């Protein structure tokens, strides 16, 4: 980046360049034609020749953007006895440029800007004082800029058909006929459906549909392209192919966004720099959108009766899910409490719980989280459920539905992946206040006690109310409340503590209207584990309360 000239900046970047450290002996490193003789005592230190460059130059009142073939030569003082003042050096080159036919545009005591009208466009001559002060000049730079548009390497056309997003092959977008020769296609990313806000000159615009991104990187050893040149070329090429430029035609930096409508629908084309700086572009990406609605792949049905929590299966309400995901594991609770967020508020519900986890099987069809979430939300809303969580959260959805089968809660949670990827997700269903389950034994979780005591914690109440509902719904229901622990601690102590905790649960139920004769208690400690006590997750599953129905046959 050059020094300020009258408040403006010389911004240097290039399509083809001579390395800035090139030796003066190089054939391209020579005095400019308009100033063939340098100041006495100075010699060329380095030079640069760029086929096209972008610059900001000030005339003292305003900056203007210039672009074209730029050649710069930097001189360094070799003979201290010849050291001229800043004014003497400036006047020397100002007079040389005027002798070559240029007219003075601006000077500030140190630097000078001159312009000459040429047959193919303006030619600008710039003298830039380097180090030194008013009475000393240790170095200076001479710049010649022949104003011209960048060479048009980029060619585009209207989209020839539907945007393919199957990810089978990484290729240029169909609308790109030719791109910069110095860059190569390195990666592609496509989505069957996505949603994004595009920055337009008139504000943001939300676009959703098929999306493909192509990534390009500079080939090793190739001359770099100036980001501004790439910007200009994509604007020109897209306009020529009939697209409407909706961002980037007047702006001097940032993305280029274009829109085009054909028989296949509305398309959006986006160019963005993806590496480098103002002077050189090490990479860029091209994004293509085809507006399209989200395909509804999830199909659901009403829940009938008590929620089935036996075995590993899809939720009772799910008829069809994404064919490129498979169910990998389930978690079932006859009764448990679940905590979640509903529109910024913390909620805790208790009931029968089923949770299924799904894993992506086809990486080429990896959906964005919003696509998965919207599918489940739309299907469940059509069933009569209402979204009660933050609608802007792409990674979670909580829906509630009041039915004759009790209150149903549906929770979708994004699992693994990121903002652009969903490699797993989970579906949790909770039924609160539904019909009493007919099984002979119920495993109850969410009944919590103070550490090493049989004192019930207040947060146990939601689950205990669900157990109470069983006795209220069936006046003849009677059974055993059994306490169970993991294998941490001594067996005798675990038996004693689990028995006291079972008694505490009975006391709570009796206090809330259940006849004491309908209940008996037992403490089993760690003698009846459901799963081996080998992990924290397994030990948590073994710490439970069980309710066994009396005189029950044929159920688990």
Protein backbone atom coordinates (compact mmCIF):
# COMPACT_ATOMS: atom_id res chain seq x y z
CA UNK A 1 0.00 0.00 0.00
CA UNK A 2 1.39 3.41 -1.01
CA UNK A 3 1.60 6.57 1.05
CA UNK A 4 -1.22 9.09 1.27
CA UNK A 5 -1.38 11.58 -1.56
CA UNK A 6 -3.51 14.53 -0.61
CA UNK A 7 -5.48 12.43 1.84
CA UNK A 8 -5.96 9.61 -0.67
CA UNK A 9 -4.32 6.18 -0.65
CA UNK A 10 -2.56 4.42 -3.45
CA UNK A 11 -4.02 0.91 -3.28
CA UNK A 12 -1.87 -1.51 -5.23
CA UNK A 13 -3.04 -4.94 -6.40
CA UNK A 14 -2.48 -6.90 -9.56
CA UNK A 15 -3.41 -9.38 -12.24
CA UNK A 16 0.14 -9.88 -13.53
CA UNK A 17 3.11 -8.45 -11.75
CA UNK A 18 6.86 -8.25 -11.64
CA UNK A 19 7.89 -9.16 -8.08
CA UNK A 20 8.35 -6.00 -6.01
CA UNK A 21 11.93 -6.89 -5.14
CA UNK A 22 13.05 -7.29 -8.74
CA UNK A 23 16.60 -6.15 -9.38
CA UNK A 24 17.15 -2.90 -11.28
CA UNK A 25 19.08 -4.86 -13.87
CA UNK A 26 15.85 -6.60 -14.96
CA UNK A 27 14.79 -5.54 -18.45
CA UNK A 28 11.41 -4.38 -17.16
CA UNK A 29 12.99 -2.32 -14.37
CA UNK A 30 13.87 0.96 -16.00
CA UNK A 31 13.24 4.67 -15.75
CA UNK A 32 9.75 5.69 -16.97
CA UNK A 33 9.61 7.23 -20.44
CA UNK A 34 8.31 10.56 -19.11
CA UNK A 35 11.26 10.82 -16.66
CA UNK A 36 14.21 9.10 -18.35
CA UNK A 37 16.86 10.70 -16.13
CA UNK A 38 16.68 10.25 -12.35
CA UNK A 39 17.77 12.88 -9.85
CA UNK A 40 21.54 13.02 -9.43
CA UNK A 41 22.75 10.69 -6.67
CA UNK A 42 19.78 8.30 -6.92
CA UNK A 43 19.55 4.75 -8.29
CA UNK A 44 16.66 2.35 -8.82
CA UNK A 45 16.01 0.19 -5.75
CA UNK A 46 12.99 -1.78 -6.98
CA UNK A 47 10.17 -1.65 -9.48
CA UNK A 48 6.80 -3.19 -10.21
CA UNK A 49 4.83 -3.68 -13.42
CA UNK A 50 1.20 -4.71 -13.06
CA UNK A 51 -1.01 -5.37 -16.05
CA UNK A 52 -3.99 -4.00 -14.14
CA UNK A 53 -4.20 -2.34 -10.77
CA UNK A 54 -6.68 -0.39 -8.70
CA UNK A 55 -5.80 2.92 -7.07
CA UNK A 56 -7.44 5.66 -5.05
CA UNK A 57 -6.04 9.09 -5.95
CA UNK A 58 -6.95 12.47 -4.47
CA UNK A 59 -7.06 15.81 -6.27
CA UNK A 60 -7.01 17.60 -2.92
CA UNK A 61 -10.80 17.69 -2.57
CA UNK A 62 -12.00 14.19 -3.27
CA UNK A 63 -10.77 10.68 -3.94
CA UNK A 64 -11.42 8.91 -7.19
CA UNK A 65 -10.95 5.28 -8.12
CA UNK A 66 -8.58 4.60 -11.00
CA UNK A 67 -7.68 1.33 -12.67
CA UNK A 68 -5.34 0.29 -15.43
CA UNK A 69 -1.79 -0.70 -16.33
CA UNK A 70 0.46 0.48 -13.48
CA UNK A 71 4.26 0.72 -13.43
CA UNK A 72 6.09 1.90 -10.35
CA UNK A 73 9.79 2.58 -9.87
CA UNK A 74 11.32 3.32 -6.46
CA UNK A 75 14.60 5.22 -6.18
CA UNK A 76 17.03 5.38 -3.28
CA UNK A 77 19.70 8.00 -2.53
CA UNK A 78 23.19 6.58 -3.06
CA UNK A 79 25.26 9.77 -2.84
CA UNK A 80 24.51 11.78 0.33
CA UNK A 81 26.28 14.83 -1.10
CA UNK A 82 23.52 15.10 -3.72
CA UNK A 83 20.60 14.95 -1.21
CA UNK A 84 17.89 17.35 -2.58
CA UNK A 85 15.10 19.04 -0.62
CA UNK A 86 11.55 17.68 -0.89
CA UNK A 87 10.50 20.69 -2.97
CA UNK A 88 13.42 20.40 -5.39
CA UNK A 89 12.74 16.71 -6.01
CA UNK A 90 9.02 17.30 -6.46
CA UNK A 91 9.55 20.18 -8.92
CA UNK A 92 12.06 18.13 -10.89
CA UNK A 93 9.52 15.42 -11.68
CA UNK A 94 6.57 17.79 -11.97
CA UNK A 95 8.41 19.64 -14.72
CA UNK A 96 9.41 16.35 -16.40
CA UNK A 97 5.79 15.20 -16.52
CA UNK A 98 4.56 18.56 -17.80
CA UNK A 99 7.24 18.48 -20.47
CA UNK A 100 5.77 15.10 -21.52
CA UNK A 101 2.37 16.75 -21.94
CA UNK A 102 0.77 16.18 -18.52
CA UNK A 103 -1.14 18.80 -16.56
CA UNK A 104 -0.80 19.42 -12.85
CA UNK A 105 -3.74 18.07 -10.82
CA UNK A 106 -2.50 18.38 -7.24
CA UNK A 107 0.56 18.74 -5.02
CA UNK A 108 1.02 19.10 -1.27
CA UNK A 109 4.69 20.10 -0.94
CA UNK A 110 5.88 16.51 -0.94
CA UNK A 111 3.87 14.66 -3.60
CA UNK A 112 2.52 15.59 -7.00
CA UNK A 113 -0.26 14.20 -9.22
CA UNK A 114 -0.45 14.95 -12.96
CA UNK A 115 -2.71 13.76 -15.78
CA UNK A 116 -2.29 13.47 -19.55
CA UNK A 117 -5.08 12.75 -22.00
CA UNK A 118 -4.14 9.87 -24.29
CA UNK A 119 -5.76 8.32 -27.40
CA UNK A 120 -6.95 5.31 -25.40
CA UNK A 121 -7.58 7.00 -22.07
CA UNK A 122 -5.96 9.14 -19.42
CA UNK A 123 -2.39 8.56 -18.27
CA UNK A 124 -1.54 9.58 -14.71
CA UNK A 125 1.94 10.46 -13.46
CA UNK A 126 2.57 10.42 -9.71
CA UNK A 127 5.62 11.43 -7.73
CA UNK A 128 5.55 10.09 -4.13
CA UNK A 129 8.17 11.44 -1.70
CA UNK A 130 9.48 8.56 0.41
CA UNK A 131 11.67 9.00 3.47
CA UNK A 132 13.24 12.26 4.49
CA UNK A 133 11.78 15.68 5.37
CA UNK A 134 11.40 19.16 3.88
CA UNK A 135 15.13 19.53 3.39
CA UNK A 136 15.94 15.90 2.64
CA UNK A 137 14.89 13.17 0.20
CA UNK A 138 16.13 9.69 0.94
CA UNK A 139 13.83 7.85 -1.48
CA UNK A 140 10.88 8.41 -3.81
CA UNK A 141 8.55 6.48 -6.12
CA UNK A 142 7.38 7.31 -9.65
CA UNK A 143 4.10 5.76 -10.79
CA UNK A 144 2.64 5.67 -14.27
CA UNK A 145 -0.99 4.58 -14.62
CA UNK A 146 -2.57 4.08 -18.04
CA UNK A 147 -6.30 4.06 -17.30
CA UNK A 148 -8.13 1.11 -18.88
CA UNK A 149 -10.68 -1.53 -17.88
CA UNK A 150 -9.30 -4.88 -16.67
CA UNK A 151 -8.87 -7.60 -19.30
CA UNK A 152 -12.16 -9.51 -19.45
CA UNK A 153 -11.29 -13.12 -18.61
CA UNK A 154 -14.62 -14.01 -17.03
CA UNK A 155 -17.51 -15.18 -19.24
CA UNK A 156 -20.98 -16.19 -18.04
CA UNK A 157 -24.33 -17.25 -19.49
CA UNK A 158 -27.90 -17.62 -18.28
CA UNK A 159 -28.57 -20.78 -16.26
CA UNK A 160 -29.25 -23.52 -18.83
CA UNK A 161 -31.54 -25.56 -16.56
CA UNK A 162 -32.27 -26.66 -13.02
CA UNK A 163 -29.42 -26.38 -10.52
CA UNK A 164 -28.14 -29.91 -9.78
CA UNK A 165 -27.26 -30.42 -6.11
CA UNK A 166 -26.68 -34.17 -5.92
CA UNK A 167 -22.99 -33.61 -5.18
CA UNK A 168 -21.90 -36.31 -7.61
CA UNK A 169 -19.20 -34.18 -9.22
CA UNK A 170 -17.43 -30.95 -8.32
CA UNK A 171 -17.63 -28.64 -11.31
CA UNK A 172 -17.98 -24.99 -12.25
CA UNK A 173 -21.50 -23.63 -11.78
CA UNK A 174 -23.52 -24.05 -15.01
CA UNK A 175 -23.68 -20.28 -15.58
CA UNK A 176 -19.86 -19.88 -15.58
CA UNK A 177 -18.34 -20.33 -19.05
CA UNK A 178 -14.81 -19.12 -18.27
CA UNK A 179 -13.02 -17.95 -15.13
CA UNK A 180 -9.54 -16.63 -14.32
CA UNK A 181 -6.81 -18.83 -15.78
CA UNK A 182 -4.63 -18.33 -12.70
CA UNK A 183 -7.17 -20.00 -10.40
CA UNK A 184 -8.35 -23.60 -10.07
CA UNK A 185 -11.53 -25.16 -8.72
CA UNK A 186 -10.67 -26.87 -5.41
CA UNK A 187 -13.94 -27.79 -3.68
CA UNK A 188 -17.73 -27.76 -3.97
CA UNK A 189 -20.55 -27.77 -1.47
CA UNK A 190 -24.20 -28.27 -2.37
CA UNK A 191 -27.46 -28.41 -0.44
CA UNK A 192 -30.86 -29.61 -1.62
CA UNK A 193 -32.31 -26.73 0.40
CA UNK A 194 -30.90 -23.84 2.38
CA UNK A 195 -31.92 -20.41 3.58
CA UNK A 196 -29.80 -17.24 3.76
CA UNK A 197 -30.07 -13.46 3.80
CA UNK A 198 -28.20 -11.97 0.85
CA UNK A 199 -26.79 -8.43 1.21
CA UNK A 200 -28.19 -6.29 -1.61
CA UNK A 201 -27.64 -2.62 -2.34
CA UNK A 202 -31.23 -1.91 -1.27
CA UNK A 203 -30.98 -4.05 1.90
CA UNK A 204 -31.06 -7.73 2.78
CA UNK A 205 -33.10 -10.29 0.86
CA UNK A 206 -33.95 -13.74 2.18
CA UNK A 207 -33.47 -16.46 -0.39
CA UNK A 208 -34.18 -20.16 0.06
CA UNK A 209 -33.89 -23.16 -2.22
CA UNK A 210 -31.17 -25.24 -3.86
CA UNK A 211 -27.65 -23.97 -3.22
CA UNK A 212 -24.22 -24.77 -4.64
CA UNK A 213 -20.87 -23.21 -3.68
CA UNK A 214 -17.72 -23.58 -5.79
CA UNK A 215 -14.36 -22.68 -4.20
CA UNK A 216 -11.37 -21.44 -6.21
CA UNK A 217 -7.75 -20.99 -5.15
CA UNK A 218 -4.73 -19.40 -6.80
CA UNK A 219 -2.55 -21.95 -8.54
CA UNK A 220 1.00 -22.04 -7.17
CA UNK A 221 3.30 -19.51 -8.82
CA UNK A 222 0.55 -17.85 -10.84
CA UNK A 223 0.12 -14.05 -10.94
CA UNK A 224 -2.63 -12.90 -8.60
CA UNK A 225 -5.79 -11.04 -9.56
CA UNK A 226 -6.70 -7.77 -7.88
CA UNK A 227 -9.98 -8.22 -5.95
CA UNK A 228 -11.29 -5.02 -7.51
CA UNK A 229 -10.53 -6.39 -10.99
CA UNK A 230 -12.39 -9.61 -10.23
CA UNK A 231 -15.28 -7.55 -8.92
CA UNK A 232 -15.46 -5.47 -12.10
CA UNK A 233 -15.13 -8.50 -14.38
CA UNK A 234 -17.95 -10.45 -12.73
CA UNK A 235 -20.23 -7.40 -12.87
CA UNK A 236 -19.52 -6.96 -16.59
CA UNK A 237 -19.84 -10.66 -17.44
CA UNK A 238 -23.10 -11.14 -15.52
CA UNK A 239 -24.67 -8.04 -17.06
CA UNK A 240 -23.68 -9.25 -20.52
CA UNK A 241 -25.43 -12.58 -19.91
CA UNK A 242 -28.66 -10.81 -18.94
CA UNK A 243 -28.47 -10.97 -15.15
CA UNK A 244 -29.50 -8.01 -13.02
CA UNK A 245 -26.79 -6.71 -10.68
CA UNK A 246 -28.39 -6.12 -7.27
CA UNK A 247 -25.17 -5.54 -5.36
CA UNK A 248 -21.72 -4.53 -6.53
CA UNK A 249 -22.38 -2.35 -9.57
CA UNK A 250 -21.79 0.91 -7.67
CA UNK A 251 -19.99 -0.39 -4.59
CA UNK A 252 -16.20 -0.50 -4.84
CA UNK A 253 -15.72 -3.61 -2.70
CA UNK A 254 -17.43 -6.61 -1.18
CA UNK A 255 -19.57 -9.17 -2.94
CA UNK A 256 -21.21 -9.09 -6.36
CA UNK A 257 -24.79 -10.36 -6.27
CA UNK A 258 -26.90 -10.87 -9.40
CA UNK A 259 -30.39 -12.17 -10.04
CA UNK A 260 -31.88 -13.80 -13.12
CA UNK A 261 -35.27 -15.33 -13.93
CA UNK A 262 -35.79 -18.07 -16.50
CA UNK A 263 -38.33 -20.76 -17.28
CA UNK A 264 -36.69 -22.85 -14.52
CA UNK A 265 -37.31 -20.19 -11.88
CA UNK A 266 -35.36 -17.44 -10.20
CA UNK A 267 -31.59 -17.77 -9.77
CA UNK A 268 -29.06 -15.84 -7.71
CA UNK A 269 -25.32 -15.63 -8.44
CA UNK A 270 -22.82 -14.44 -5.82
CA UNK A 271 -19.09 -13.73 -6.18
CA UNK A 272 -17.06 -13.23 -2.99
CA UNK A 273 -13.36 -12.93 -2.27
CA UNK A 274 -12.25 -15.82 -0.05
CA UNK A 275 -8.63 -15.11 0.75
CA UNK A 276 -5.93 -12.51 0.37
CA UNK A 277 -6.24 -8.78 0.93
CA UNK A 278 -6.97 -5.53 -0.92
CA UNK A 279 -3.91 -6.04 -3.10
CA UNK A 280 -4.21 -9.68 -4.06
CA UNK A 281 -6.88 -12.37 -4.16
CA UNK A 282 -5.68 -15.81 -3.11
CA UNK A 283 -9.12 -17.34 -3.49
CA UNK A 284 -12.79 -16.70 -4.20
CA UNK A 285 -16.10 -18.55 -4.17
CA UNK A 286 -19.14 -18.58 -6.39
CA UNK A 287 -22.53 -19.34 -4.87
CA UNK A 288 -25.55 -20.28 -6.96
CA UNK A 289 -29.11 -20.33 -5.65
CA UNK A 290 -32.27 -21.58 -7.30
CA UNK A 291 -35.33 -20.47 -5.38
CA UNK A 292 -37.46 -23.47 -4.42
CA UNK A 293 -39.76 -24.51 -1.56
CA UNK A 294 -38.59 -26.94 1.09
CA UNK A 295 -39.65 -30.50 0.24
CA UNK A 296 -41.84 -31.98 2.98
CA UNK A 297 -40.22 -35.34 3.69
CA UNK A 298 -41.55 -35.96 7.21
CA UNK A 299 -45.03 -37.53 7.60
CA UNK A 300 -46.77 -37.93 10.97
CA UNK A 301 -49.97 -39.32 12.53
CA UNK A 302 -51.87 -38.86 15.83
CA UNK A 303 -50.76 -40.73 18.95
CA UNK A 304 -53.28 -43.31 20.16
CA UNK A 305 -53.35 -44.52 23.76
CA UNK A 306 -50.42 -44.57 26.15
CA UNK A 307 -47.04 -43.76 24.64
CA UNK A 308 -45.18 -46.96 23.83
CA UNK A 309 -41.83 -46.95 25.62
CA UNK A 310 -40.81 -50.54 24.91
CA UNK A 311 -37.93 -51.36 22.58
CA UNK A 312 -36.15 -49.14 20.07
CA UNK A 313 -38.51 -47.87 17.41
CA UNK A 314 -39.61 -44.63 15.78
CA UNK A 315 -41.84 -42.34 17.85
CA UNK A 316 -45.49 -43.43 17.82
CA UNK A 317 -46.43 -40.33 15.80
CA UNK A 318 -43.77 -40.71 13.07
CA UNK A 319 -44.87 -42.33 9.81
CA UNK A 320 -41.95 -41.29 7.58
CA UNK A 321 -38.66 -39.49 8.14
CA UNK A 322 -35.69 -38.62 5.91
CA UNK A 323 -34.61 -41.70 3.91
CA UNK A 324 -30.94 -40.75 4.26
CA UNK A 325 -31.03 -41.02 8.07
CA UNK A 326 -31.33 -44.21 10.13
CA UNK A 327 -32.39 -44.74 13.71
CA UNK A 328 -29.35 -45.79 15.77
CA UNK A 329 -30.48 -45.88 19.40
CA UNK A 330 -33.39 -45.14 21.74
CA UNK A 331 -33.94 -44.11 25.33
CA UNK A 332 -37.20 -45.06 27.06
CA UNK A 333 -38.59 -43.95 30.42
CA UNK A 334 -41.92 -45.12 31.82
CA UNK A 335 -41.89 -41.89 33.81
CA UNK A 336 -39.28 -39.14 33.90
CA UNK A 337 -38.89 -35.36 33.94
CA UNK A 338 -37.57 -33.40 30.97
CA UNK A 339 -36.25 -29.84 31.06
CA UNK A 340 -36.25 -27.52 28.06
CA UNK A 341 -36.60 -23.89 26.96
CA UNK A 342 -39.89 -22.48 25.68
CA UNK A 343 -39.54 -18.98 24.18
CA UNK A 344 -36.90 -17.93 26.68
CA UNK A 345 -38.56 -19.59 29.70
CA UNK A 346 -37.27 -22.67 31.46
CA UNK A 347 -39.83 -25.48 31.69
CA UNK A 348 -39.88 -28.90 33.33
CA UNK A 349 -42.44 -31.53 32.37
CA UNK A 350 -42.92 -35.09 33.51
CA UNK A 351 -44.54 -38.10 31.87
CA UNK A 352 -43.80 -41.09 29.71
CA UNK A 353 -40.70 -40.45 27.63
CA UNK A 354 -39.39 -41.89 24.37
CA UNK A 355 -36.29 -40.60 22.58
CA UNK A 356 -34.83 -41.81 19.27
CA UNK A 357 -31.51 -40.76 17.74
CA UNK A 358 -31.00 -40.65 13.96
CA UNK A 359 -27.68 -40.73 12.07
CA UNK A 360 -26.92 -39.51 8.52
CA UNK A 361 -26.24 -42.36 6.08
CA UNK A 362 -25.53 -40.41 2.86
CA UNK A 363 -22.98 -37.56 3.31
CA UNK A 364 -23.84 -36.18 -0.12
CA UNK A 365 -27.35 -35.35 1.11
CA UNK A 366 -26.25 -33.75 4.39
CA UNK A 367 -29.01 -31.19 5.16
CA UNK A 368 -28.70 -27.86 6.94
CA UNK A 369 -30.23 -27.87 10.46
CA UNK A 370 -33.02 -25.47 9.45
CA UNK A 371 -34.26 -27.86 6.76
CA UNK A 372 -34.60 -30.73 9.24
CA UNK A 373 -36.21 -28.59 11.91
CA UNK A 374 -38.74 -27.00 9.53
CA UNK A 375 -39.75 -30.43 8.22
CA UNK A 376 -40.65 -31.69 11.68
CA UNK A 377 -42.27 -28.43 12.78
CA UNK A 378 -44.44 -28.23 9.65
CA UNK A 379 -45.56 -31.85 9.95
CA UNK A 380 -46.41 -31.58 13.66
CA UNK A 381 -48.17 -28.24 13.25
CA UNK A 382 -50.35 -29.82 10.58
CA UNK A 383 -51.20 -32.46 13.19
CA UNK A 384 -52.35 -29.72 15.59
CA UNK A 385 -49.22 -29.11 17.69
CA UNK A 386 -48.01 -25.58 18.48
CA UNK A 387 -44.41 -24.37 18.44
CA UNK A 388 -43.58 -22.96 21.89
CA UNK A 389 -39.79 -22.55 21.57
CA UNK A 390 -37.77 -19.82 19.87
CA UNK A 391 -38.71 -19.92 16.15
CA UNK A 392 -35.28 -18.52 15.22
CA UNK A 393 -33.37 -21.38 16.84
CA UNK A 394 -32.39 -23.70 13.97
CA UNK A 395 -31.06 -26.38 16.32
CA UNK A 396 -34.09 -27.04 18.51
CA UNK A 397 -37.88 -27.06 18.37
CA UNK A 398 -40.38 -27.69 21.16
CA UNK A 399 -44.04 -28.24 20.28
CA UNK A 400 -47.02 -28.86 22.54
CA UNK A 401 -50.33 -30.53 21.74
CA UNK A 402 -53.31 -31.11 24.02
CA UNK A 403 -55.09 -34.32 23.04
CA UNK A 404 -57.55 -36.83 24.55
CA UNK A 405 -54.42 -38.91 25.17
CA UNK A 406 -52.96 -36.24 27.46
CA UNK A 407 -50.54 -33.40 26.81
CA UNK A 408 -47.97 -34.34 24.19
CA UNK A 409 -44.61 -32.60 23.96
CA UNK A 410 -42.39 -33.03 20.90
CA UNK A 411 -38.71 -32.03 21.07
CA UNK A 412 -36.43 -31.92 18.03
CA UNK A 413 -32.73 -31.45 18.83
CA UNK A 414 -29.88 -31.02 16.37
CA UNK A 415 -27.12 -33.45 17.34
CA UNK A 416 -23.80 -33.45 15.51
CA UNK A 417 -22.73 -31.23 12.60
CA UNK A 418 -22.61 -27.45 12.43
CA UNK A 419 -24.54 -24.49 11.00
CA UNK A 420 -24.34 -26.04 7.53
CA UNK A 421 -24.55 -29.71 8.43
CA UNK A 422 -26.74 -32.23 10.25
CA UNK A 423 -25.09 -35.59 10.79
CA UNK A 424 -27.38 -36.61 13.66
CA UNK A 425 -30.49 -35.43 15.47
CA UNK A 426 -32.88 -36.70 18.14
CA UNK A 427 -36.66 -36.79 18.58
CA UNK A 428 -37.98 -36.83 22.14
CA UNK A 429 -41.67 -37.38 22.88
CA UNK A 430 -43.20 -36.82 26.31
CA UNK A 431 -46.79 -37.74 27.20
CA UNK A 432 -48.08 -36.07 30.36
CA UNK A 433 -51.42 -37.06 31.94
CA UNK A 434 -52.16 -39.75 29.40
CA UNK A 435 -54.01 -43.02 29.99
CA UNK A 436 -52.36 -45.24 32.63
CA UNK A 437 -49.93 -47.72 31.11
CA UNK A 438 -51.01 -51.39 31.29
CA UNK A 439 -47.58 -52.86 31.97
CA UNK A 440 -47.02 -54.71 35.22
CA UNK A 441 -43.84 -52.82 36.12
CA UNK A 442 -43.00 -49.16 35.67
CA UNK A 443 -39.50 -47.69 35.86
CA UNK A 444 -39.67 -44.20 37.34
CA UNK A 445 -36.92 -41.60 37.04
CA UNK A 446 -36.81 -37.94 38.04
CA UNK A 447 -37.59 -38.70 41.70
CA UNK A 448 -34.66 -36.99 43.41
CA UNK A 449 -33.39 -37.03 46.99
CA UNK A 450 -30.92 -35.04 49.02
CA UNK A 451 -27.44 -36.52 48.89
CA UNK A 452 -27.15 -39.69 50.99
CA UNK A 453 -30.64 -39.07 52.46
CA UNK A 454 -34.25 -40.12 51.94
CA UNK A 455 -35.52 -36.55 51.78
CA UNK A 456 -37.44 -35.82 48.56
CA UNK A 457 -36.33 -32.78 46.61
CA UNK A 458 -39.03 -30.32 45.43
CA UNK A 459 -38.13 -30.94 41.77
CA UNK A 460 -39.47 -34.51 42.16
CA UNK A 461 -43.07 -33.29 42.29
CA UNK A 462 -43.82 -33.31 38.50
CA UNK A 463 -42.97 -37.04 38.28
CA UNK A 464 -44.73 -37.91 41.53
CA UNK A 465 -47.89 -36.25 40.23
CA UNK A 466 -47.77 -38.54 37.19
CA UNK A 467 -47.54 -41.58 39.50
CA UNK A 468 -50.38 -40.19 41.61
CA UNK A 469 -52.55 -39.97 38.48
CA UNK A 470 -52.32 -43.76 38.07
CA UNK A 471 -53.87 -44.35 41.48
CA UNK A 472 -56.52 -41.69 40.87
CA UNK A 473 -57.47 -43.14 37.47
CA UNK A 474 -57.70 -46.74 38.78
CA UNK A 475 -59.18 -46.94 42.31
CA UNK A 476 -58.32 -50.64 42.54
CA UNK A 477 -54.67 -50.13 41.61
CA UNK A 478 -52.28 -51.40 44.28
CA UNK A 479 -48.66 -52.38 44.19
CA UNK A 480 -45.12 -52.23 45.49
CA UNK A 481 -42.80 -49.25 45.45
CA UNK A 482 -39.25 -50.53 45.12
CA UNK A 483 -36.08 -48.48 45.61
CA UNK A 484 -32.97 -49.31 43.54
CA UNK A 485 -29.42 -47.95 43.53
CA UNK A 486 -26.21 -48.39 41.53
CA UNK A 487 -23.24 -50.32 42.91
CA UNK A 488 -21.47 -47.33 44.47
CA UNK A 489 -21.22 -47.93 48.26
CA UNK A 490 -21.71 -50.99 50.39
CA UNK A 491 -24.56 -53.35 49.58
CA UNK A 492 -26.15 -53.34 53.04
CA UNK A 493 -26.15 -49.58 53.19
CA UNK A 494 -27.65 -49.34 49.68
CA UNK A 495 -30.47 -51.70 50.67
CA UNK A 496 -31.26 -49.63 53.74
CA UNK A 497 -31.15 -46.29 51.91
CA UNK A 498 -33.23 -47.53 48.95
CA UNK A 499 -35.88 -48.84 51.35
CA UNK A 500 -36.07 -45.50 53.15
CA UNK A 501 -36.41 -43.68 49.84
CA UNK A 502 -39.22 -46.02 48.71
CA UNK A 503 -40.98 -45.24 51.99
CA UNK A 504 -40.60 -41.52 51.32
CA UNK A 505 -42.32 -41.92 47.95
CA UNK A 506 -45.17 -43.83 49.60
CA UNK A 507 -45.50 -41.13 52.25
CA UNK A 508 -45.83 -38.46 49.54
CA UNK A 509 -48.55 -40.44 47.73
CA UNK A 510 -50.47 -41.09 50.96
CA UNK A 511 -50.25 -37.40 51.82
CA UNK A 512 -51.86 -36.66 48.46
CA UNK A 513 -54.84 -38.99 48.94
CA UNK A 514 -53.73 -42.55 48.18
CA UNK A 515 -54.82 -45.06 50.81
CA UNK A 516 -51.80 -46.48 52.60
CA UNK A 517 -53.12 -50.03 52.18
CA UNK A 518 -52.75 -49.78 48.43
CA UNK A 519 -48.97 -49.49 48.72
CA UNK A 520 -46.10 -51.42 50.21
CA UNK A 521 -42.39 -50.67 49.94
CA UNK A 522 -39.12 -52.54 49.52
CA UNK A 523 -35.44 -51.62 49.21
CA UNK A 524 -33.36 -53.65 46.77
CA UNK A 525 -30.18 -51.59 46.74
CA UNK A 526 -27.90 -52.66 43.91
CA UNK A 527 -29.14 -56.25 43.73
CA UNK A 528 -31.36 -55.83 40.64
CA UNK A 529 -29.52 -53.70 38.08
CA UNK A 530 -31.18 -53.12 34.70
CA UNK A 531 -27.80 -52.77 32.97
CA UNK A 532 -24.18 -53.41 34.04
CA UNK A 533 -22.80 -50.69 36.32
CA UNK A 534 -19.91 -49.99 33.93
CA UNK A 535 -20.58 -46.36 32.90
CA UNK A 536 -22.07 -43.23 34.41
CA UNK A 537 -24.98 -43.53 31.99
CA UNK A 538 -25.68 -47.11 33.06
CA UNK A 539 -25.39 -46.29 36.76
CA UNK A 540 -27.93 -43.49 36.28
CA UNK A 541 -30.32 -45.96 34.64
CA UNK A 542 -29.98 -48.31 37.61
CA UNK A 543 -30.81 -45.55 40.13
CA UNK A 544 -34.60 -45.64 39.96
CA UNK A 545 -37.92 -46.23 41.64
CA UNK A 546 -40.05 -49.13 40.37
CA UNK A 547 -43.80 -49.49 40.72
CA UNK A 548 -45.07 -53.08 40.43
CA UNK A 549 -48.79 -53.65 39.98
CA UNK A 550 -50.33 -56.36 42.17
CA UNK A 551 -51.99 -59.38 40.60
CA UNK A 552 -50.63 -58.48 37.15
CA UNK A 553 -49.88 -61.08 34.47
CA UNK A 554 -48.86 -60.83 30.84
CA UNK A 555 -47.02 -57.51 31.19
CA UNK A 556 -43.37 -56.74 31.70
